[in-house]
C-alpha atoms as a PDB file:
ATOM      1  CA  MET A   1       8.644   2.113 -29.005  1.00  0.00           C
ATOM      2  CA  THR A   2       8.869   3.915 -25.548  1.00  0.00           C
ATOM      3  CA  ASP A   3       7.706   1.849 -22.332  1.00  0.00           C
ATOM      4  CA  PRO A   4       5.172   3.996 -20.498  1.00  0.00           C
ATOM      5  CA  GLU A   5       6.661   2.860 -17.353  1.00  0.00           C
ATOM      6  CA  PHE A   6      10.007   4.615 -18.438  1.00  0.00           C
ATOM      7  CA  THR A   7       9.612   8.392 -18.721  1.00  0.00           C
ATOM      8  CA  ASP A   8      11.822  11.595 -18.690  1.00  0.00           C
ATOM      9  CA  PRO A   9      12.980  11.994 -15.215  1.00  0.00           C
ATOM     10  CA  ARG A  10      12.430  15.713 -15.899  1.00  0.00           C
ATOM     11  CA  LYS A  11       8.968  15.232 -15.888  1.00  0.00           C
ATOM     12  CA  SER A  12       9.160  12.986 -12.480  1.00  0.00           C
ATOM     13  CA  HIS A  13       6.853  13.850  -9.498  1.00  0.00           C
ATOM     14  CA  SER A  14       6.572  12.622  -5.768  1.00  0.00           C
ATOM     15  CA  GLY A  15       3.142  12.058  -5.573  1.00  0.00           C
ATOM     16  CA  PRO A  16       0.500  14.868  -4.313  1.00  0.00           C
ATOM     17  CA  ASP A  17       2.209  18.021  -3.672  1.00  0.00           C
ATOM     18  CA  PRO A  18       1.987  19.633   0.138  1.00  0.00           C
ATOM     19  CA  ASP A  19      -0.620  22.289  -0.778  1.00  0.00           C
ATOM     20  CA  THR A  20      -2.838  19.562  -2.412  1.00  0.00           C
ATOM     21  CA  LEU A  21      -2.771  17.111   0.811  1.00  0.00           C
ATOM     22  CA  ALA A  22      -3.346  20.657   2.830  1.00  0.00           C
ATOM     23  CA  ARG A  23      -6.417  21.431   1.199  1.00  0.00           C
ATOM     24  CA  ARG A  24      -7.912  17.782   1.255  1.00  0.00           C
ATOM     25  CA  ALA A  25      -7.001  17.642   5.305  1.00  0.00           C
ATOM     26  CA  GLU A  26      -9.014  21.255   5.588  1.00  0.00           C
ATOM     27  CA  GLU A  27     -11.869  19.821   3.584  1.00  0.00           C
ATOM     28  CA  LEU A  28     -11.908  16.686   5.697  1.00  0.00           C
ATOM     29  CA  ARG A  29     -11.890  18.880   9.231  1.00  0.00           C
ATOM     30  CA  ARG A  30     -14.581  21.092   7.660  1.00  0.00           C
ATOM     31  CA  GLU A  31     -16.751  17.762   6.983  1.00  0.00           C
ATOM     32  CA  VAL A  32     -16.101  16.624  10.300  1.00  0.00           C
ATOM     33  CA  ALA A  33     -16.853  19.841  11.916  1.00  0.00           C
ATOM     34  CA  ALA A  34     -20.400  19.902  10.130  1.00  0.00           C
ATOM     35  CA  ARG A  35     -21.068  16.530  11.266  1.00  0.00           C
ATOM     36  CA  VAL A  36     -20.483  16.956  14.550  1.00  0.00           C
ATOM     37  CA  GLU A  37     -22.572  20.194  14.401  1.00  0.00           C
ATOM     38  CA  ASP A  38     -25.537  18.380  12.728  1.00  0.00           C
ATOM     39  CA  GLN A  39     -25.217  15.295  15.691  1.00  0.00           C
ATOM     40  CA  ARG A  40     -25.106  17.898  18.221  1.00  0.00           C
ATOM     41  CA  ARG A  41     -28.411  19.723  17.008  1.00  0.00           C
ATOM     42  CA  ARG A  42     -30.143  16.359  16.632  1.00  0.00           C
ATOM     43  CA  LEU A  43     -29.324  15.032  20.421  1.00  0.00           C
ATOM     44  CA  TYR A  44     -30.483  18.456  21.605  1.00  0.00           C
ATOM     45  CA  ALA A  45     -33.472  18.012  19.518  1.00  0.00           C
ATOM     46  CA  ASP A  46     -34.457  14.870  21.056  1.00  0.00           C
ATOM     47  CA  ALA A  47     -34.355  16.037  24.485  1.00  0.00           C
ATOM     48  CA  PRO A  48     -35.030  19.728  24.998  1.00  0.00           C
ATOM     49  CA  ARG A  49     -35.682  19.829  28.621  1.00  0.00           C
ATOM     50  CA  LYS A  50     -32.837  17.608  29.583  1.00  0.00           C
ATOM     51  CA  SER A  51     -29.388  18.614  30.257  1.00  0.00           C
ATOM     52  CA  VAL A  52     -27.399  19.077  27.185  1.00  0.00           C
ATOM     53  CA  GLY A  53     -23.915  17.575  28.952  1.00  0.00           C
ATOM     54  CA  ALA A  54     -21.273  15.485  27.289  1.00  0.00           C
ATOM     55  CA  GLY A  55     -23.471  12.428  27.519  1.00  0.00           C
ATOM     56  CA  PRO A  56     -22.337   8.714  26.045  1.00  0.00           C
ATOM     57  CA  ARG A  57     -23.507   9.469  22.625  1.00  0.00           C
ATOM     58  CA  MET A  58     -21.890  13.018  22.286  1.00  0.00           C
ATOM     59  CA  ARG A  59     -18.623  11.589  23.608  1.00  0.00           C
ATOM     60  CA  LEU A  60     -18.842   8.855  20.609  1.00  0.00           C
ATOM     61  CA  VAL A  61     -19.417  11.292  18.041  1.00  0.00           C
ATOM     62  CA  LEU A  62     -16.369  13.579  19.461  1.00  0.00           C
ATOM     63  CA  LEU A  63     -14.009  10.371  19.593  1.00  0.00           C
ATOM     64  CA  SER A  64     -15.172   9.757  15.712  1.00  0.00           C
ATOM     65  CA  ALA A  65     -14.397  13.429  14.677  1.00  0.00           C
ATOM     66  CA  PHE A  66     -11.001  13.069  16.507  1.00  0.00           C
ATOM     67  CA  VAL A  67     -10.092   9.815  14.462  1.00  0.00           C
ATOM     68  CA  ILE A  68     -11.040  10.992  11.471  1.00  0.00           C
ATOM     69  CA  VAL A  69      -8.984  14.299  11.722  1.00  0.00           C
ATOM     70  CA  MET A  70      -6.194  12.219  13.248  1.00  0.00           C
ATOM     71  CA  LEU A  71      -5.878   9.857  10.174  1.00  0.00           C
ATOM     72  CA  ALA A  72      -5.898  12.771   7.957  1.00  0.00           C
ATOM     73  CA  TRP A  73      -3.002  14.346  10.016  1.00  0.00           C
ATOM     74  CA  ALA A  74      -1.024  11.093   9.712  1.00  0.00           C
ATOM     75  CA  GLY A  75      -1.750  10.751   5.955  1.00  0.00           C
ATOM     76  CA  ARG A  76      -0.428  14.361   5.423  1.00  0.00           C
ATOM     77  CA  ASN A  77       2.498  13.829   7.406  1.00  0.00           C
ATOM     78  CA  SER A  78       3.756  10.291   7.132  1.00  0.00           C
ATOM     79  CA  GLY A  79       2.636   9.243   3.560  1.00  0.00           C
ATOM     80  CA  GLY A  80       0.042   6.772   4.653  1.00  0.00           C
ATOM     81  CA  PRO A  81      -2.763   6.143   7.492  1.00  0.00           C
ATOM     82  CA  LEU A  82      -1.168   5.832  10.891  1.00  0.00           C
ATOM     83  CA  GLY A  83       2.306   6.054   9.637  1.00  0.00           C
ATOM     84  CA  LEU A  84       1.953   3.031   7.041  1.00  0.00           C
ATOM     85  CA  GLN A  85       4.354   3.518   4.238  1.00  0.00           C
ATOM     86  CA  ALA A  86       5.170   1.882   1.112  1.00  0.00           C
ATOM     87  CA  ALA A  87       9.047   3.010   0.097  1.00  0.00           C
ATOM     88  CA  PHE A  88      10.907   1.630  -3.000  1.00  0.00           C
ATOM     89  CA  THR A  89      14.297   1.613  -3.281  1.00  0.00           C
ATOM     90  CA  PRO A  90      15.995   1.732  -6.400  1.00  0.00           C
ATOM     91  CA  ALA A  91      18.239  -0.992  -8.094  1.00  0.00           C
ATOM     92  CA  SER A  92      21.793  -0.667  -7.285  1.00  0.00           C
ATOM     93  CA  ASP A  93      23.030  -0.928 -11.249  1.00  0.00           C
ATOM     94  CA  GLY A  94      20.535  -0.825 -14.247  1.00  0.00           C
ATOM     95  CA  VAL A  95      17.689   1.025 -14.827  1.00  0.00           C
ATOM     96  CA  SER A  96      14.640   0.865 -12.305  1.00  0.00           C
ATOM     97  CA  PHE A  97      11.336   2.717 -12.050  1.00  0.00           C
ATOM     98  CA  ALA A  98       8.681   4.102  -9.454  1.00  0.00           C
ATOM     99  CA  GLY A  99       5.468   5.563 -10.768  1.00  0.00           C
ATOM    100  CA  ARG A 100       6.970   8.169 -13.448  1.00  0.00           C
ATOM    101  CA  ARG A 101      10.298   8.355 -11.725  1.00  0.00           C
ATOM    102  CA  THR A 102      13.326   6.335 -13.155  1.00  0.00           C
ATOM    103  CA  PHE A 103      16.752   5.799 -11.758  1.00  0.00           C
ATOM    104  CA  GLU A 104      20.029   4.587 -13.124  1.00  0.00           C
ATOM    105  CA  ALA A 105      21.729   3.987  -9.878  1.00  0.00           C
ATOM    106  CA  GLN A 106      20.831   3.185  -6.350  1.00  0.00           C
ATOM    107  CA  GLY A 107      19.704   5.803  -4.142  1.00  0.00           C
ATOM    108  CA  ASP A 108      17.667   6.948  -1.176  1.00  0.00           C
ATOM    109  CA  ALA A 109      14.186   5.159  -0.490  1.00  0.00           C
ATOM    110  CA  VAL A 110      11.347   7.008  -2.198  1.00  0.00           C
ATOM    111  CA  THR A 111       7.882   7.222  -0.787  1.00  0.00           C
ATOM    112  CA  LEU A 112       5.010   5.550  -2.720  1.00  0.00           C
ATOM    113  CA  VAL A 113       1.198   5.993  -3.016  1.00  0.00           C
ATOM    114  CA  PRO A 114      -1.358   3.516  -3.989  1.00  0.00           C
ATOM    115  CA  GLY A 115      -1.771   2.794  -7.462  1.00  0.00           C
ATOM    116  CA  ASP A 116       2.244   3.165  -8.008  1.00  0.00           C
ATOM    117  CA  VAL A 117       3.944   0.794 -10.263  1.00  0.00           C
ATOM    118  CA  VAL A 118       7.809  -0.127  -9.526  1.00  0.00           C
ATOM    119  CA  GLY A 119      10.422  -2.382 -10.902  1.00  0.00           C
ATOM    120  CA  ALA A 120      13.768  -3.262 -12.152  1.00  0.00           C
ATOM    121  CA  ARG A 121      14.439  -3.146 -16.260  1.00  0.00           C
ATOM    122  CA  ASP A 122      17.346  -4.254 -15.958  1.00  0.00           C
ATOM    123  CA  GLY A 123      19.218  -3.727 -12.531  1.00  0.00           C
ATOM    124  CA  ARG A 124      19.496  -5.693  -9.097  1.00  0.00           C
ATOM    125  CA  GLY A 125      18.947  -4.755  -5.760  1.00  0.00           C
ATOM    126  CA  ALA A 126      15.232  -3.119  -6.227  1.00  0.00           C
ATOM    127  CA  SER A 127      12.848  -3.299  -3.457  1.00  0.00           C
ATOM    128  CA  LEU A 128       9.497  -2.448  -2.417  1.00  0.00           C
ATOM    129  CA  VAL A 129       8.827  -2.255   1.322  1.00  0.00           C
ATOM    130  CA  LEU A 130       5.160  -2.335   2.207  1.00  0.00           C
ATOM    131  CA  GLY A 131       4.126  -2.300   6.116  1.00  0.00           C
ATOM    132  CA  ASP A 132       6.114  -5.201   7.459  1.00  0.00           C
ATOM    133  CA  GLY A 133       6.939  -6.812   4.148  1.00  0.00           C
ATOM    134  CA  ARG A 134       9.265  -6.550   1.465  1.00  0.00           C
ATOM    135  CA  LEU A 135       9.283  -7.558  -2.415  1.00  0.00           C
ATOM    136  CA  GLU A 136      12.949  -7.700  -3.812  1.00  0.00           C
ATOM    137  CA  LEU A 137      12.552  -7.291  -7.556  1.00  0.00           C
ATOM    138  CA  GLU A 138      14.482  -9.478  -9.984  1.00  0.00           C
ATOM    139  CA  PRO A 139      15.386  -7.896 -13.506  1.00  0.00           C
ATOM    140  CA  GLY A 140      12.198  -7.499 -15.221  1.00  0.00           C
ATOM    141  CA  ALA A 141       9.901  -7.877 -12.692  1.00  0.00           C
ATOM    142  CA  ARG A 142       7.010  -5.156 -11.838  1.00  0.00           C
ATOM    143  CA  ALA A 143       4.709  -4.696  -8.860  1.00  0.00           C
ATOM    144  CA  ALA A 144       2.594  -2.103  -7.699  1.00  0.00           C
ATOM    145  CA  VAL A 145       1.073  -0.745  -4.255  1.00  0.00           C
ATOM    146  CA  ALA A 146      -2.609  -1.908  -4.097  1.00  0.00           C
ATOM    147  CA  SER A 147      -3.121  -0.396  -1.062  1.00  0.00           C
ATOM    148  CA  LEU A 148      -2.018   0.887   2.204  1.00  0.00           C
ATOM    149  CA  MET A 149      -4.667   0.128   4.413  1.00  0.00           C
ATOM    150  CA  PRO A 150      -4.751  -3.096   4.476  1.00  0.00           C
ATOM    151  CA  PRO A 151      -1.220  -3.098   3.263  1.00  0.00           C
ATOM    152  CA  ARG A 152      -1.224  -4.944  -0.215  1.00  0.00           C
ATOM    153  CA  ALA A 153       1.046  -5.431  -3.132  1.00  0.00           C
ATOM    154  CA  ARG A 154      -0.138  -6.511  -6.795  1.00  0.00           C
ATOM    155  CA  LEU A 155       2.561  -8.741  -8.624  1.00  0.00           C
ATOM    156  CA  LEU A 156       2.204  -7.707 -12.568  1.00  0.00           C
ATOM    157  CA  GLY A 157       5.190 -10.072 -13.688  1.00  0.00           C
ATOM    158  CA  GLY A 158       8.488 -11.463 -13.474  1.00  0.00           C
ATOM    159  CA  THR A 159      10.111 -12.972 -10.441  1.00  0.00           C
ATOM    160  CA  VAL A 160      10.063 -11.108  -6.897  1.00  0.00           C
ATOM    161  CA  ARG A 161      11.516 -12.401  -3.324  1.00  0.00           C
ATOM    162  CA  ALA A 162       9.032 -11.752  -0.883  1.00  0.00           C
ATOM    163  CA  SER A 163       9.913 -11.729   3.017  1.00  0.00           C
ATOM    164  CA  GLY A 164       8.118 -10.886   6.279  1.00  0.00           C
ATOM    165  CA  ARG A 165       4.581 -10.323   6.537  1.00  0.00           C
ATOM    166  CA  ILE A 166       2.792  -9.279   3.327  1.00  0.00           C
ATOM    167  CA  ARG A 167      -0.146  -9.975   1.348  1.00  0.00           C
ATOM    168  CA  VAL A 168       0.512 -10.331  -2.724  1.00  0.00           C
ATOM    169  CA  VAL A 169      -2.405  -9.935  -5.174  1.00  0.00           C
ATOM    170  CA  SER A 170      -2.110 -11.425  -8.481  1.00  0.00           C
ATOM    171  CA  ALA A 171      -4.044 -12.711 -11.494  1.00  0.00           C
ATOM    172  CA  HIS A 172      -3.848 -15.961 -10.629  1.00  0.00           C
ATOM    173  CA  GLY A 173      -4.349 -15.939  -6.724  1.00  0.00           C
ATOM    174  CA  ILE A 174      -4.010 -13.932  -3.445  1.00  0.00           C
ATOM    175  CA  LEU A 175      -0.858 -14.877  -1.261  1.00  0.00           C
ATOM    176  CA  ASP A 176      -0.581 -14.263   2.475  1.00  0.00           C
ATOM    177  CA  LEU A 177       2.761 -14.882   3.524  1.00  0.00           C
ATOM    178  CA  GLU A 178       4.787 -14.947   6.819  1.00  0.00           C
ATOM    179  CA  GLY A 179       8.089 -15.827   6.080  1.00  0.00           C
ATOM    180  CA  GLU A 180      10.195 -16.188   3.075  1.00  0.00           C
ATOM    181  CA  ALA A 181       9.219 -17.090  -0.478  1.00  0.00           C
ATOM    182  CA  GLU A 182       9.999 -16.671  -4.281  1.00  0.00           C
ATOM    183  CA  LEU A 183       7.187 -15.624  -6.415  1.00  0.00           C
ATOM    184  CA  ARG A 184       7.233 -15.887 -10.215  1.00  0.00           C
ATOM    185  CA  LEU A 185       4.228 -14.470 -12.562  1.00  0.00           C
ATOM    186  CA  ASP A 186       4.575 -15.356 -16.338  1.00  0.00           C
ATOM    187  CA  GLN A 187       2.272 -17.109 -18.646  1.00  0.00           C
ATOM    188  CA  SER A 188       2.014 -20.342 -16.900  1.00  0.00           C
ATOM    189  CA  GLY A 189       0.563 -18.915 -13.870  1.00  0.00           C
ATOM    190  CA  LEU A 190       1.943 -17.552 -10.385  1.00  0.00           C
ATOM    191  CA  ALA A 191       4.671 -20.036  -8.922  1.00  0.00           C
ATOM    192  CA  VAL A 192       5.398 -19.796  -5.407  1.00  0.00           C
ATOM    193  CA  GLY A 193       8.168 -21.645  -3.419  1.00  0.00           C
ATOM    194  CA  VAL A 194       8.384 -21.211   0.276  1.00  0.00           C
ATOM    195  CA  ARG A 195      11.588 -20.977   1.859  1.00  0.00           C
ATOM    196  CA  ALA A 196      10.918 -20.237   5.441  1.00  0.00           C
ATOM    197  CA  GLY A 197       7.570 -19.733   7.523  1.00  0.00           C
ATOM    198  CA  GLU A 198       4.436 -20.579   5.567  1.00  0.00           C
ATOM    199  CA  ALA A 199       2.124 -18.992   2.708  1.00  0.00           C
ATOM    200  CA  THR A 200      -1.666 -19.457   1.924  1.00  0.00           C
ATOM    201  CA  VAL A 201      -2.736 -19.056  -1.217  1.00  0.00           C
ATOM    202  CA  VAL A 202      -6.460 -18.567  -2.197  1.00  0.00           C
ATOM    203  CA  SER A 203      -6.891 -19.355  -6.164  1.00  0.00           C
ATOM    204  CA  PRO A 204      -9.947 -20.170  -8.291  1.00  0.00           C
ATOM    205  CA  ASP A 205      -9.314 -23.744  -7.094  1.00  0.00           C
ATOM    206  CA  GLY A 206      -9.335 -23.218  -3.725  1.00  0.00           C
ATOM    207  CA  SER A 207      -6.955 -22.143  -0.818  1.00  0.00           C
ATOM    208  CA  ARG A 208      -3.959 -24.054   0.044  1.00  0.00           C
ATOM    209  CA  THR A 209      -1.289 -23.524   2.570  1.00  0.00           C
ATOM    210  CA  LEU A 210       2.461 -24.464   1.819  1.00  0.00           C
ATOM    211  CA  ALA A 211       5.088 -24.997   4.391  1.00  0.00           C
ATOM    212  CA  ALA A 212       8.881 -24.203   4.214  1.00  0.00           C
ATOM    213  CA  GLY A 213      10.343 -26.237   1.230  1.00  0.00           C
ATOM    214  CA  GLU A 214       7.118 -26.637  -0.788  1.00  0.00           C
ATOM    215  CA  SER A 215       6.159 -25.167  -4.011  1.00  0.00           C
ATOM    216  CA  ALA A 216       2.974 -25.136  -6.256  1.00  0.00           C
ATOM    217  CA  LEU A 217       2.036 -23.410  -9.621  1.00  0.00           C
ATOM    218  CA  PHE A 218      -1.450 -21.507  -9.539  1.00  0.00           C
ATOM    219  CA  GLN A 219      -2.969 -21.265 -12.752  1.00  0.00           C
END
């Protein structure tokens, strides 16, 4: 049976193509322009006999439009909102994968989008960098980019070494880490062992903070 995560590299892709991103950005700019024009008409209608200079309300509308357009531009040119990126580095040996792309040796890091699943089939050295955090995947581990803003990774199974500042979502709890920890997700639950710093895990049983040297199993 063919594993759906491992597809023919000739069918791989690197996410949305530039033309699609350009169309989305243009549609967003048009929508913003239409909203600004609608707000301008409403402001003028509310005070037809007053000066129509750029008052506080108009400046707020224009500022909001500027922020939206800048977010669209940043997403098109940097792979994520305000330059935030998710990137995957293939394993140094063996087979690893990111989305529909498979790798048989270590290479340059590739940019990911929310929803991309990454993992290492039998190689070591594969890693997922998301914002200020990193997940180093052991053979057999799988994770996904849950979102870029806020940055969140989803652990789907196996063992990973997490470091930095990162939020990891799993079927047994949500972990917020500042430091270093080993995470293992299997049929028994989510095992967390903190090596440095601290981690807070919110599970169905409540919230628990682990310091360096502590470990726990969340079911």
